[in-house]
Amino acid sequence: MEKQKLNSTIVYVLSVLGFLCCCVMGIGVVPSGIAYFMANSKLKEASLAPENYDNIDGMKTAKTIALIVLIINALYLVYSIYRISTVGWDEIMEQSRQMQEEWMKGAGSGS
């Protein structure tokens, strides 16, 4: 019987996407959560008959990366919720607008 290969590419792609989205109020928790769930389910499936699967170590690494990205996103999501509840959404948007204006002034004078 030929061994089935555990393809961890999609888990890596979702983890990277989750990492890139972590700075946007922690919304990267969605793709990284999906990646972790996929890796975990594939590893459970492979643990029932490990002799039938190849690249189990690669999937374990992908699961670890997905978990780390998930934790980073969860922490940033909690921080964002805390900041919105204490500072307020309008104040955060005003600060963002001011920072953007300062950046545009700096970019305009550097040319």
PDB file of N, CA and C in Angstrom:
ATOM      1  N   MET A   1       0.842  -1.188   0.000  1.00  0.00           N
ATOM      2  CA  MET A   1       0.000   0.000   0.000  1.00  0.00           C
ATOM      3  C   MET A   1       0.882   1.245   0.000  1.00  0.00           C
ATOM      4  N   GLU A   2       0.556   2.163  -0.876  1.00  0.00           N
ATOM      5  CA  GLU A   2       1.331   3.388  -0.990  1.00  0.00           C
ATOM      6  C   GLU A   2       0.921   4.369   0.110  1.00  0.00           C
ATOM      7  N   LYS A   3       1.922   5.066   0.641  1.00  0.00           N
ATOM      8  CA  LYS A   3       1.654   6.026   1.715  1.00  0.00           C
ATOM      9  C   LYS A   3       0.994   7.279   1.153  1.00  0.00           C
ATOM     10  N   GLN A   4       0.036   7.804   1.918  1.00  0.00           N
ATOM     11  CA  GLN A   4      -0.604   9.064   1.556  1.00  0.00           C
ATOM     12  C   GLN A   4       0.240  10.198   2.110  1.00  0.00           C
ATOM     13  N   LYS A   5       0.361  11.243   1.346  1.00  0.00           N
ATOM     14  CA  LYS A   5       1.154  12.395   1.773  1.00  0.00           C
ATOM     15  C   LYS A   5       0.237  13.418   2.430  1.00  0.00           C
ATOM     16  N   LEU A   6       0.620  13.854   3.617  1.00  0.00           N
ATOM     17  CA  LEU A   6      -0.114  14.929   4.283  1.00  0.00           C
ATOM     18  C   LEU A   6       0.357  16.248   3.688  1.00  0.00           C
ATOM     19  N   ASN A   7      -0.529  16.932   2.993  1.00  0.00           N
ATOM     20  CA  ASN A   7      -0.182  18.187   2.338  1.00  0.00           C
ATOM     21  C   ASN A   7      -0.401  19.335   3.317  1.00  0.00           C
ATOM     22  N   SER A   8       0.678  19.904   3.793  1.00  0.00           N
ATOM     23  CA  SER A   8       0.595  20.973   4.784  1.00  0.00           C
ATOM     24  C   SER A   8       0.653  22.365   4.155  1.00  0.00           C
ATOM     25  N   THR A   9       0.685  22.450   2.840  1.00  0.00           N
ATOM     26  CA  THR A   9       0.816  23.742   2.158  1.00  0.00           C
ATOM     27  C   THR A   9      -0.321  24.691   2.494  1.00  0.00           C
ATOM     28  N   ILE A  10      -1.567  24.207   2.461  1.00  0.00           N
ATOM     29  CA  ILE A  10      -2.716  25.078   2.733  1.00  0.00           C
ATOM     30  C   ILE A  10      -2.682  25.586   4.177  1.00  0.00           C
ATOM     31  N   VAL A  11      -2.178  24.764   5.089  1.00  0.00           N
ATOM     32  CA  VAL A  11      -2.069  25.196   6.490  1.00  0.00           C
ATOM     33  C   VAL A  11      -1.053  26.321   6.603  1.00  0.00           C
ATOM     34  N   TYR A  12       0.076  26.185   5.899  1.00  0.00           N
ATOM     35  CA  TYR A  12       1.077  27.253   5.902  1.00  0.00           C
ATOM     36  C   TYR A  12       0.530  28.540   5.275  1.00  0.00           C
ATOM     37  N   VAL A  13      -0.179  28.415   4.176  1.00  0.00           N
ATOM     38  CA  VAL A  13      -0.719  29.590   3.487  1.00  0.00           C
ATOM     39  C   VAL A  13      -1.715  30.320   4.394  1.00  0.00           C
ATOM     40  N   LEU A  14      -2.618  29.572   5.031  1.00  0.00           N
ATOM     41  CA  LEU A  14      -3.585  30.199   5.927  1.00  0.00           C
ATOM     42  C   LEU A  14      -2.901  30.821   7.143  1.00  0.00           C
ATOM     43  N   SER A  15      -1.842  30.190   7.634  1.00  0.00           N
ATOM     44  CA  SER A  15      -1.112  30.738   8.779  1.00  0.00           C
ATOM     45  C   SER A  15      -0.433  32.056   8.412  1.00  0.00           C
ATOM     46  N   VAL A  16       0.182  32.103   7.244  1.00  0.00           N
ATOM     47  CA  VAL A  16       0.829  33.343   6.794  1.00  0.00           C
ATOM     48  C   VAL A  16      -0.214  34.425   6.576  1.00  0.00           C
ATOM     49  N   LEU A  17      -1.332  34.079   5.980  1.00  0.00           N
ATOM     50  CA  LEU A  17      -2.412  35.040   5.784  1.00  0.00           C
ATOM     51  C   LEU A  17      -2.911  35.560   7.135  1.00  0.00           C
ATOM     52  N   GLY A  18      -3.049  34.670   8.099  1.00  0.00           N
ATOM     53  CA  GLY A  18      -3.460  35.080   9.440  1.00  0.00           C
ATOM     54  C   GLY A  18      -2.444  35.999  10.090  1.00  0.00           C
ATOM     55  N   PHE A  19      -1.165  35.713   9.867  1.00  0.00           N
ATOM     56  CA  PHE A  19      -0.122  36.568  10.441  1.00  0.00           C
ATOM     57  C   PHE A  19      -0.153  37.958   9.818  1.00  0.00           C
ATOM     58  N   LEU A  20      -0.373  38.017   8.510  1.00  0.00           N
ATOM     59  CA  LEU A  20      -0.435  39.311   7.834  1.00  0.00           C
ATOM     60  C   LEU A  20      -1.648  40.127   8.277  1.00  0.00           C
ATOM     61  N   CYS A  21      -2.714  39.446   8.663  1.00  0.00           N
ATOM     62  CA  CYS A  21      -3.943  40.140   9.079  1.00  0.00           C
ATOM     63  C   CYS A  21      -3.973  40.446  10.574  1.00  0.00           C
ATOM     64  N   CYS A  22      -2.960  40.064  11.324  1.00  0.00           N
ATOM     65  CA  CYS A  22      -3.025  40.244  12.779  1.00  0.00           C
ATOM     66  C   CYS A  22      -3.030  41.706  13.177  1.00  0.00           C
ATOM     67  N   CYS A  23      -2.488  42.574  12.370  1.00  0.00           N
ATOM     68  CA  CYS A  23      -2.443  43.999  12.706  1.00  0.00           C
ATOM     69  C   CYS A  23      -3.750  44.703  12.406  1.00  0.00           C
ATOM     70  N   VAL A  24      -4.701  44.001  11.828  1.00  0.00           N
ATOM     71  CA  VAL A  24      -5.996  44.588  11.518  1.00  0.00           C
ATOM     72  C   VAL A  24      -7.000  44.093  12.558  1.00  0.00           C
ATOM     73  N   MET A  25      -6.810  44.567  13.774  1.00  0.00           N
ATOM     74  CA  MET A  25      -7.693  44.279  14.901  1.00  0.00           C
ATOM     75  C   MET A  25      -7.833  42.785  15.183  1.00  0.00           C
ATOM     76  N   GLY A  26      -6.861  41.988  14.805  1.00  0.00           N
ATOM     77  CA  GLY A  26      -6.865  40.575  15.123  1.00  0.00           C
ATOM     78  C   GLY A  26      -7.764  39.709  14.267  1.00  0.00           C
ATOM     79  N   ILE A  27      -8.168  40.203  13.087  1.00  0.00           N
ATOM     80  CA  ILE A  27      -9.062  39.391  12.256  1.00  0.00           C
ATOM     81  C   ILE A  27      -8.351  38.174  11.666  1.00  0.00           C
ATOM     82  N   GLY A  28      -7.036  38.124  11.811  1.00  0.00           N
ATOM     83  CA  GLY A  28      -6.291  36.955  11.350  1.00  0.00           C
ATOM     84  C   GLY A  28      -6.591  35.720  12.163  1.00  0.00           C
ATOM     85  N   VAL A  29      -7.395  35.882  13.219  1.00  0.00           N
ATOM     86  CA  VAL A  29      -7.785  34.741  14.031  1.00  0.00           C
ATOM     87  C   VAL A  29      -8.621  33.757  13.192  1.00  0.00           C
ATOM     88  N   VAL A  30      -9.311  34.255  12.175  1.00  0.00           N
ATOM     89  CA  VAL A  30     -10.146  33.389  11.332  1.00  0.00           C
ATOM     90  C   VAL A  30      -9.287  32.449  10.480  1.00  0.00           C
ATOM     91  N   PRO A  31      -8.386  32.957   9.621  1.00  0.00           N
ATOM     92  CA  PRO A  31      -7.600  32.013   8.821  1.00  0.00           C
ATOM     93  C   PRO A  31      -6.651  31.152   9.657  1.00  0.00           C
ATOM     94  N   SER A  32      -6.090  31.717  10.724  1.00  0.00           N
ATOM     95  CA  SER A  32      -5.189  30.914  11.542  1.00  0.00           C
ATOM     96  C   SER A  32      -5.959  29.860  12.338  1.00  0.00           C
ATOM     97  N   GLY A  33      -7.181  30.179  12.743  1.00  0.00           N
ATOM     98  CA  GLY A  33      -8.018  29.183  13.416  1.00  0.00           C
ATOM     99  C   GLY A  33      -8.380  28.046  12.485  1.00  0.00           C
ATOM    100  N   ILE A  34      -8.704  28.380  11.248  1.00  0.00           N
ATOM    101  CA  ILE A  34      -9.009  27.350  10.244  1.00  0.00           C
ATOM    102  C   ILE A  34      -7.777  26.482   9.994  1.00  0.00           C
ATOM    103  N   ALA A  35      -6.604  27.113   9.890  1.00  0.00           N
ATOM    104  CA  ALA A  35      -5.363  26.366   9.658  1.00  0.00           C
ATOM    105  C   ALA A  35      -5.087  25.403  10.804  1.00  0.00           C
ATOM    106  N   TYR A  36      -5.253  25.882  12.029  1.00  0.00           N
ATOM    107  CA  TYR A  36      -5.015  25.026  13.194  1.00  0.00           C
ATOM    108  C   TYR A  36      -6.000  23.856  13.218  1.00  0.00           C
ATOM    109  N   PHE A  37      -7.267  24.137  12.941  1.00  0.00           N
ATOM    110  CA  PHE A  37      -8.283  23.089  12.928  1.00  0.00           C
ATOM    111  C   PHE A  37      -7.980  22.043  11.849  1.00  0.00           C
ATOM    112  N   MET A  38      -7.587  22.510  10.663  1.00  0.00           N
ATOM    113  CA  MET A  38      -7.268  21.581   9.570  1.00  0.00           C
ATOM    114  C   MET A  38      -6.081  20.693   9.935  1.00  0.00           C
ATOM    115  N   ALA A  39      -5.018  21.312  10.469  1.00  0.00           N
ATOM    116  CA  ALA A  39      -3.825  20.542  10.822  1.00  0.00           C
ATOM    117  C   ALA A  39      -4.132  19.552  11.926  1.00  0.00           C
ATOM    118  N   ASN A  40      -4.900  19.980  12.899  1.00  0.00           N
ATOM    119  CA  ASN A  40      -5.241  19.104  14.015  1.00  0.00           C
ATOM    120  C   ASN A  40      -6.064  17.909  13.542  1.00  0.00           C
ATOM    121  N   SER A  41      -7.043  18.144  12.673  1.00  0.00           N
ATOM    122  CA  SER A  41      -7.876  17.038  12.189  1.00  0.00           C
ATOM    123  C   SER A  41      -7.075  16.070  11.315  1.00  0.00           C
ATOM    124  N   LYS A  42      -6.168  16.599  10.488  1.00  0.00           N
ATOM    125  CA  LYS A  42      -5.335  15.717   9.660  1.00  0.00           C
ATOM    126  C   LYS A  42      -4.397  14.871  10.525  1.00  0.00           C
ATOM    127  N   LEU A  43      -3.858  15.470  11.597  1.00  0.00           N
ATOM    128  CA  LEU A  43      -2.973  14.712  12.476  1.00  0.00           C
ATOM    129  C   LEU A  43      -3.740  13.650  13.268  1.00  0.00           C
ATOM    130  N   LYS A  44      -4.966  13.937  13.646  1.00  0.00           N
ATOM    131  CA  LYS A  44      -5.789  12.923  14.326  1.00  0.00           C
ATOM    132  C   LYS A  44      -6.068  11.763  13.387  1.00  0.00           C
ATOM    133  N   GLU A  45      -6.368  12.101  12.142  1.00  0.00           N
ATOM    134  CA  GLU A  45      -6.617  11.078  11.126  1.00  0.00           C
ATOM    135  C   GLU A  45      -5.365  10.221  10.913  1.00  0.00           C
ATOM    136  N   ALA A  46      -4.212  10.869  10.864  1.00  0.00           N
ATOM    137  CA  ALA A  46      -2.964  10.150  10.638  1.00  0.00           C
ATOM    138  C   ALA A  46      -2.555   9.326  11.860  1.00  0.00           C
ATOM    139  N   SER A  47      -2.951   9.748  13.053  1.00  0.00           N
ATOM    140  CA  SER A  47      -2.565   9.003  14.256  1.00  0.00           C
ATOM    141  C   SER A  47      -3.271   7.653  14.347  1.00  0.00           C
ATOM    142  N   LEU A  48      -4.386   7.498  13.646  1.00  0.00           N
ATOM    143  CA  LEU A  48      -5.096   6.218  13.652  1.00  0.00           C
ATOM    144  C   LEU A  48      -4.338   5.149  12.880  1.00  0.00           C
ATOM    145  N   ALA A  49      -3.619   5.552  11.843  1.00  0.00           N
ATOM    146  CA  ALA A  49      -2.831   4.619  11.038  1.00  0.00           C
ATOM    147  C   ALA A  49      -1.586   5.334  10.537  1.00  0.00           C
ATOM    148  N   PRO A  50      -0.601   5.597  11.415  1.00  0.00           N
ATOM    149  CA  PRO A  50       0.570   6.380  11.002  1.00  0.00           C
ATOM    150  C   PRO A  50       1.406   5.718   9.908  1.00  0.00           C
ATOM    151  N   GLU A  51       1.309   4.419   9.769  1.00  0.00           N
ATOM    152  CA  GLU A  51       2.093   3.742   8.742  1.00  0.00           C
ATOM    153  C   GLU A  51       1.577   4.036   7.340  1.00  0.00           C
ATOM    154  N   ASN A  52       0.365   4.574   7.239  1.00  0.00           N
ATOM    155  CA  ASN A  52      -0.223   4.886   5.934  1.00  0.00           C
ATOM    156  C   ASN A  52       0.045   6.317   5.476  1.00  0.00           C
ATOM    157  N   TYR A  53       0.702   7.099   6.310  1.00  0.00           N
ATOM    158  CA  TYR A  53       0.885   8.516   5.988  1.00  0.00           C
ATOM    159  C   TYR A  53       2.365   8.893   5.954  1.00  0.00           C
ATOM    160  N   ASP A  54       2.649   9.842   5.100  1.00  0.00           N
ATOM    161  CA  ASP A  54       3.988  10.382   4.955  1.00  0.00           C
ATOM    162  C   ASP A  54       3.939  11.861   5.343  1.00  0.00           C
ATOM    163  N   ASN A  55       5.035  12.417   5.799  1.00  0.00           N
ATOM    164  CA  ASN A  55       5.166  13.838   6.133  1.00  0.00           C
ATOM    165  C   ASN A  55       4.344  14.244   7.356  1.00  0.00           C
ATOM    166  N   ILE A  56       4.277  13.384   8.352  1.00  0.00           N
ATOM    167  CA  ILE A  56       3.577  13.716   9.591  1.00  0.00           C
ATOM    168  C   ILE A  56       4.318  14.823  10.334  1.00  0.00           C
ATOM    169  N   ASP A  57       5.644  14.792  10.302  1.00  0.00           N
ATOM    170  CA  ASP A  57       6.427  15.830  10.980  1.00  0.00           C
ATOM    171  C   ASP A  57       6.179  17.210  10.366  1.00  0.00           C
ATOM    172  N   GLY A  58       6.026  17.274   9.061  1.00  0.00           N
ATOM    173  CA  GLY A  58       5.730  18.543   8.397  1.00  0.00           C
ATOM    174  C   GLY A  58       4.387  19.104   8.834  1.00  0.00           C
ATOM    175  N   MET A  59       3.416  18.233   9.000  1.00  0.00           N
ATOM    176  CA  MET A  59       2.099  18.678   9.446  1.00  0.00           C
ATOM    177  C   MET A  59       2.140  19.105  10.918  1.00  0.00           C
ATOM    178  N   LYS A  60       2.970  18.454  11.714  1.00  0.00           N
ATOM    179  CA  LYS A  60       3.119  18.874  13.114  1.00  0.00           C
ATOM    180  C   LYS A  60       3.731  20.269  13.191  1.00  0.00           C
ATOM    181  N   THR A  61       4.702  20.537  12.337  1.00  0.00           N
ATOM    182  CA  THR A  61       5.308  21.869  12.288  1.00  0.00           C
ATOM    183  C   THR A  61       4.284  22.906  11.842  1.00  0.00           C
ATOM    184  N   ALA A  62       3.495  22.578  10.833  1.00  0.00           N
ATOM    185  CA  ALA A  62       2.458  23.495  10.346  1.00  0.00           C
ATOM    186  C   ALA A  62       1.429  23.774  11.438  1.00  0.00           C
ATOM    187  N   LYS A  63       1.085  22.763  12.215  1.00  0.00           N
ATOM    188  CA  LYS A  63       0.135  22.932  13.318  1.00  0.00           C
ATOM    189  C   LYS A  63       0.710  23.875  14.374  1.00  0.00           C
ATOM    190  N   THR A  64       1.994  23.726  14.677  1.00  0.00           N
ATOM    191  CA  THR A  64       2.638  24.587  15.669  1.00  0.00           C
ATOM    192  C   THR A  64       2.648  26.041  15.199  1.00  0.00           C
ATOM    193  N   ILE A  65       2.979  26.259  13.939  1.00  0.00           N
ATOM    194  CA  ILE A  65       2.992  27.619  13.395  1.00  0.00           C
ATOM    195  C   ILE A  65       1.584  28.209  13.419  1.00  0.00           C
ATOM    196  N   ALA A  66       0.592  27.417  13.046  1.00  0.00           N
ATOM    197  CA  ALA A  66      -0.789  27.901  13.063  1.00  0.00           C
ATOM    198  C   ALA A  66      -1.217  28.261  14.483  1.00  0.00           C
ATOM    199  N   LEU A  67      -0.797  27.476  15.470  1.00  0.00           N
ATOM    200  CA  LEU A  67      -1.136  27.761  16.861  1.00  0.00           C
ATOM    201  C   LEU A  67      -0.490  29.058  17.337  1.00  0.00           C
ATOM    202  N   ILE A  68       0.755  29.276  16.987  1.00  0.00           N
ATOM    203  CA  ILE A  68       1.452  30.508  17.380  1.00  0.00           C
ATOM    204  C   ILE A  68       0.768  31.724  16.769  1.00  0.00           C
ATOM    205  N   VAL A  69       0.441  31.647  15.483  1.00  0.00           N
ATOM    206  CA  VAL A  69      -0.233  32.759  14.807  1.00  0.00           C
ATOM    207  C   VAL A  69      -1.630  32.973  15.406  1.00  0.00           C
ATOM    208  N   LEU A  70      -2.304  31.891  15.753  1.00  0.00           N
ATOM    209  CA  LEU A  70      -3.625  31.997  16.380  1.00  0.00           C
ATOM    210  C   LEU A  70      -3.535  32.709  17.732  1.00  0.00           C
ATOM    211  N   ILE A  71      -2.536  32.386  18.523  1.00  0.00           N
ATOM    212  CA  ILE A  71      -2.353  33.031  19.825  1.00  0.00           C
ATOM    213  C   ILE A  71      -2.044  34.516  19.649  1.00  0.00           C
ATOM    214  N   ILE A  72      -1.163  34.851  18.712  1.00  0.00           N
ATOM    215  CA  ILE A  72      -0.839  36.264  18.457  1.00  0.00           C
ATOM    216  C   ILE A  72      -2.101  37.032  18.065  1.00  0.00           C
ATOM    217  N   ASN A  73      -2.889  36.446  17.178  1.00  0.00           N
ATOM    218  CA  ASN A  73      -4.116  37.108  16.741  1.00  0.00           C
ATOM    219  C   ASN A  73      -5.132  37.235  17.870  1.00  0.00           C
ATOM    220  N   ALA A  74      -5.262  36.209  18.678  1.00  0.00           N
ATOM    221  CA  ALA A  74      -6.208  36.260  19.790  1.00  0.00           C
ATOM    222  C   ALA A  74      -5.821  37.357  20.770  1.00  0.00           C
ATOM    223  N   LEU A  75      -4.531  37.479  21.057  1.00  0.00           N
ATOM    224  CA  LEU A  75      -4.073  38.535  21.966  1.00  0.00           C
ATOM    225  C   LEU A  75      -4.348  39.920  21.382  1.00  0.00           C
ATOM    226  N   TYR A  76      -4.073  40.088  20.087  1.00  0.00           N
ATOM    227  CA  TYR A  76      -4.319  41.388  19.459  1.00  0.00           C
ATOM    228  C   TYR A  76      -5.808  41.688  19.380  1.00  0.00           C
ATOM    229  N   LEU A  77      -6.635  40.670  19.177  1.00  0.00           N
ATOM    230  CA  LEU A  77      -8.079  40.858  19.154  1.00  0.00           C
ATOM    231  C   LEU A  77      -8.582  41.310  20.522  1.00  0.00           C
ATOM    232  N   VAL A  78      -8.097  40.672  21.582  1.00  0.00           N
ATOM    233  CA  VAL A  78      -8.472  41.070  22.945  1.00  0.00           C
ATOM    234  C   VAL A  78      -8.014  42.501  23.217  1.00  0.00           C
ATOM    235  N   TYR A  79      -6.787  42.835  22.808  1.00  0.00           N
ATOM    236  CA  TYR A  79      -6.282  44.196  22.976  1.00  0.00           C
ATOM    237  C   TYR A  79      -7.150  45.205  22.226  1.00  0.00           C
ATOM    238  N   SER A  80      -7.549  44.875  21.006  1.00  0.00           N
ATOM    239  CA  SER A  80      -8.374  45.781  20.203  1.00  0.00           C
ATOM    240  C   SER A  80      -9.741  45.989  20.855  1.00  0.00           C
ATOM    241  N   ILE A  81     -10.334  44.921  21.342  1.00  0.00           N
ATOM    242  CA  ILE A  81     -11.630  45.041  22.018  1.00  0.00           C
ATOM    243  C   ILE A  81     -11.492  45.894  23.273  1.00  0.00           C
ATOM    244  N   TYR A  82     -10.427  45.679  24.023  1.00  0.00           N
ATOM    245  CA  TYR A  82     -10.189  46.476  25.225  1.00  0.00           C
ATOM    246  C   TYR A  82     -10.008  47.954  24.868  1.00  0.00           C
ATOM    247  N   ARG A  83      -9.233  48.206  23.844  1.00  0.00           N
ATOM    248  CA  ARG A  83      -8.970  49.595  23.444  1.00  0.00           C
ATOM    249  C   ARG A  83     -10.235  50.284  22.959  1.00  0.00           C
ATOM    250  N   ILE A  84     -11.061  49.589  22.205  1.00  0.00           N
ATOM    251  CA  ILE A  84     -12.319  50.172  21.732  1.00  0.00           C
ATOM    252  C   ILE A  84     -13.252  50.449  22.907  1.00  0.00           C
ATOM    253  N   SER A  85     -13.280  49.545  23.870  1.00  0.00           N
ATOM    254  CA  SER A  85     -14.190  49.730  25.003  1.00  0.00           C
ATOM    255  C   SER A  85     -13.724  50.836  25.946  1.00  0.00           C
ATOM    256  N   THR A  86     -12.413  51.090  26.036  1.00  0.00           N
ATOM    257  CA  THR A  86     -11.928  52.124  26.952  1.00  0.00           C
ATOM    258  C   THR A  86     -11.790  53.482  26.276  1.00  0.00           C
ATOM    259  N   VAL A  87     -11.266  53.508  25.061  1.00  0.00           N
ATOM    260  CA  VAL A  87     -11.018  54.772  24.370  1.00  0.00           C
ATOM    261  C   VAL A  87     -12.239  55.197  23.550  1.00  0.00           C
ATOM    262  N   GLY A  88     -12.849  54.261  22.895  1.00  0.00           N
ATOM    263  CA  GLY A  88     -13.996  54.562  22.032  1.00  0.00           C
ATOM    264  C   GLY A  88     -13.596  54.546  20.568  1.00  0.00           C
ATOM    265  N   TRP A  89     -14.516  54.101  19.737  1.00  0.00           N
ATOM    266  CA  TRP A  89     -14.255  53.952  18.314  1.00  0.00           C
ATOM    267  C   TRP A  89     -13.986  55.299  17.643  1.00  0.00           C
ATOM    268  N   ASP A  90     -14.762  56.319  18.011  1.00  0.00           N
ATOM    269  CA  ASP A  90     -14.588  57.631  17.376  1.00  0.00           C
ATOM    270  C   ASP A  90     -13.207  58.209  17.666  1.00  0.00           C
ATOM    271  N   GLU A  91     -12.732  58.075  18.888  1.00  0.00           N
ATOM    272  CA  GLU A  91     -11.408  58.589  19.242  1.00  0.00           C
ATOM    273  C   GLU A  91     -10.306  57.828  18.496  1.00  0.00           C
ATOM    274  N   ILE A  92     -10.458  56.535  18.344  1.00  0.00           N
ATOM    275  CA  ILE A  92      -9.473  55.732  17.609  1.00  0.00           C
ATOM    276  C   ILE A  92      -9.430  56.174  16.143  1.00  0.00           C
ATOM    277  N   MET A  93     -10.585  56.410  15.546  1.00  0.00           N
ATOM    278  CA  MET A  93     -10.636  56.865  14.150  1.00  0.00           C
ATOM    279  C   MET A  93     -10.021  58.257  14.008  1.00  0.00           C
ATOM    280  N   GLU A  94     -10.248  59.118  14.991  1.00  0.00           N
ATOM    281  CA  GLU A  94      -9.664  60.463  14.954  1.00  0.00           C
ATOM    282  C   GLU A  94      -8.138  60.386  15.047  1.00  0.00           C
ATOM    283  N   GLN A  95      -7.626  59.538  15.938  1.00  0.00           N
ATOM    284  CA  GLN A  95      -6.176  59.356  16.053  1.00  0.00           C
ATOM    285  C   GLN A  95      -5.598  58.808  14.753  1.00  0.00           C
ATOM    286  N   SER A  96      -6.308  57.884  14.144  1.00  0.00           N
ATOM    287  CA  SER A  96      -5.864  57.304  12.879  1.00  0.00           C
ATOM    288  C   SER A  96      -5.822  58.371  11.783  1.00  0.00           C
ATOM    289  N   ARG A  97      -6.839  59.229  11.736  1.00  0.00           N
ATOM    290  CA  ARG A  97      -6.884  60.291  10.746  1.00  0.00           C
ATOM    291  C   ARG A  97      -5.725  61.268  10.938  1.00  0.00           C
ATOM    292  N   GLN A  98      -5.443  61.622  12.189  1.00  0.00           N
ATOM    293  CA  GLN A  98      -4.341  62.540  12.480  1.00  0.00           C
ATOM    294  C   GLN A  98      -2.994  61.937  12.089  1.00  0.00           C
ATOM    295  N   MET A  99      -2.808  60.661  12.396  1.00  0.00           N
ATOM    296  CA  MET A  99      -1.554  60.001  12.022  1.00  0.00           C
ATOM    297  C   MET A  99      -1.397  59.957  10.514  1.00  0.00           C
ATOM    298  N   GLN A 100      -2.491  59.711   9.798  1.00  0.00           N
ATOM    299  CA  GLN A 100      -2.436  59.668   8.341  1.00  0.00           C
ATOM    300  C   GLN A 100      -2.083  61.045   7.772  1.00  0.00           C
ATOM    301  N   GLU A 101      -2.661  62.095   8.329  1.00  0.00           N
ATOM    302  CA  GLU A 101      -2.344  63.445   7.865  1.00  0.00           C
ATOM    303  C   GLU A 101      -0.876  63.777   8.110  1.00  0.00           C
ATOM    304  N   GLU A 102      -0.350  63.423   9.280  1.00  0.00           N
ATOM    305  CA  GLU A 102       1.064  63.672   9.583  1.00  0.00           C
ATOM    306  C   GLU A 102       1.963  62.889   8.637  1.00  0.00           C
ATOM    307  N   TRP A 103       1.572  61.677   8.337  1.00  0.00           N
ATOM    308  CA  TRP A 103       2.377  60.852   7.427  1.00  0.00           C
ATOM    309  C   TRP A 103       2.379  61.455   6.026  1.00  0.00           C
ATOM    310  N   MET A 104       1.209  61.934   5.601  1.00  0.00           N
ATOM    311  CA  MET A 104       1.121  62.536   4.271  1.00  0.00           C
ATOM    312  C   MET A 104       1.942  63.821   4.192  1.00  0.00           C
ATOM    313  N   LYS A 105       1.965  64.619   5.259  1.00  0.00           N
ATOM    314  CA  LYS A 105       2.781  65.833   5.278  1.00  0.00           C
ATOM    315  C   LYS A 105       4.256  65.472   5.194  1.00  0.00           C
ATOM    316  N   GLY A 106       4.660  64.441   5.940  1.00  0.00           N
ATOM    317  CA  GLY A 106       6.046  63.985   5.919  1.00  0.00           C
ATOM    318  C   GLY A 106       6.439  63.408   4.572  1.00  0.00           C
ATOM    319  N   ALA A 107       5.538  62.693   3.928  1.00  0.00           N
ATOM    320  CA  ALA A 107       5.833  62.110   2.627  1.00  0.00           C
ATOM    321  C   ALA A 107       5.898  63.193   1.550  1.00  0.00           C
ATOM    322  N   GLY A 108       5.071  64.220   1.706  1.00  0.00           N
ATOM    323  CA  GLY A 108       5.060  65.304   0.727  1.00  0.00           C
ATOM    324  C   GLY A 108       6.304  66.174   0.800  1.00  0.00           C
ATOM    325  N   SER A 109       6.848  66.368   1.995  1.00  0.00           N
ATOM    326  CA  SER A 109       8.028  67.222   2.132  1.00  0.00           C
ATOM    327  C   SER A 109       9.319  66.478   1.811  1.00  0.00           C
ATOM    328  N   GLY A 110       9.280  65.155   1.804  1.00  0.00           N
ATOM    329  CA  GLY A 110      10.487  64.362   1.523  1.00  0.00           C
ATOM    330  C   GLY A 110      10.805  64.256   0.055  1.00  0.00           C
ATOM    331  N   SER A 111       9.894  64.583  -0.822  1.00  0.00           N
ATOM    332  CA  SER A 111      10.102  64.454  -2.267  1.00  0.00           C
ATOM    333  C   SER A 111      10.893  65.584  -2.833  1.00  0.00           C
TER     334      SER A 111
END
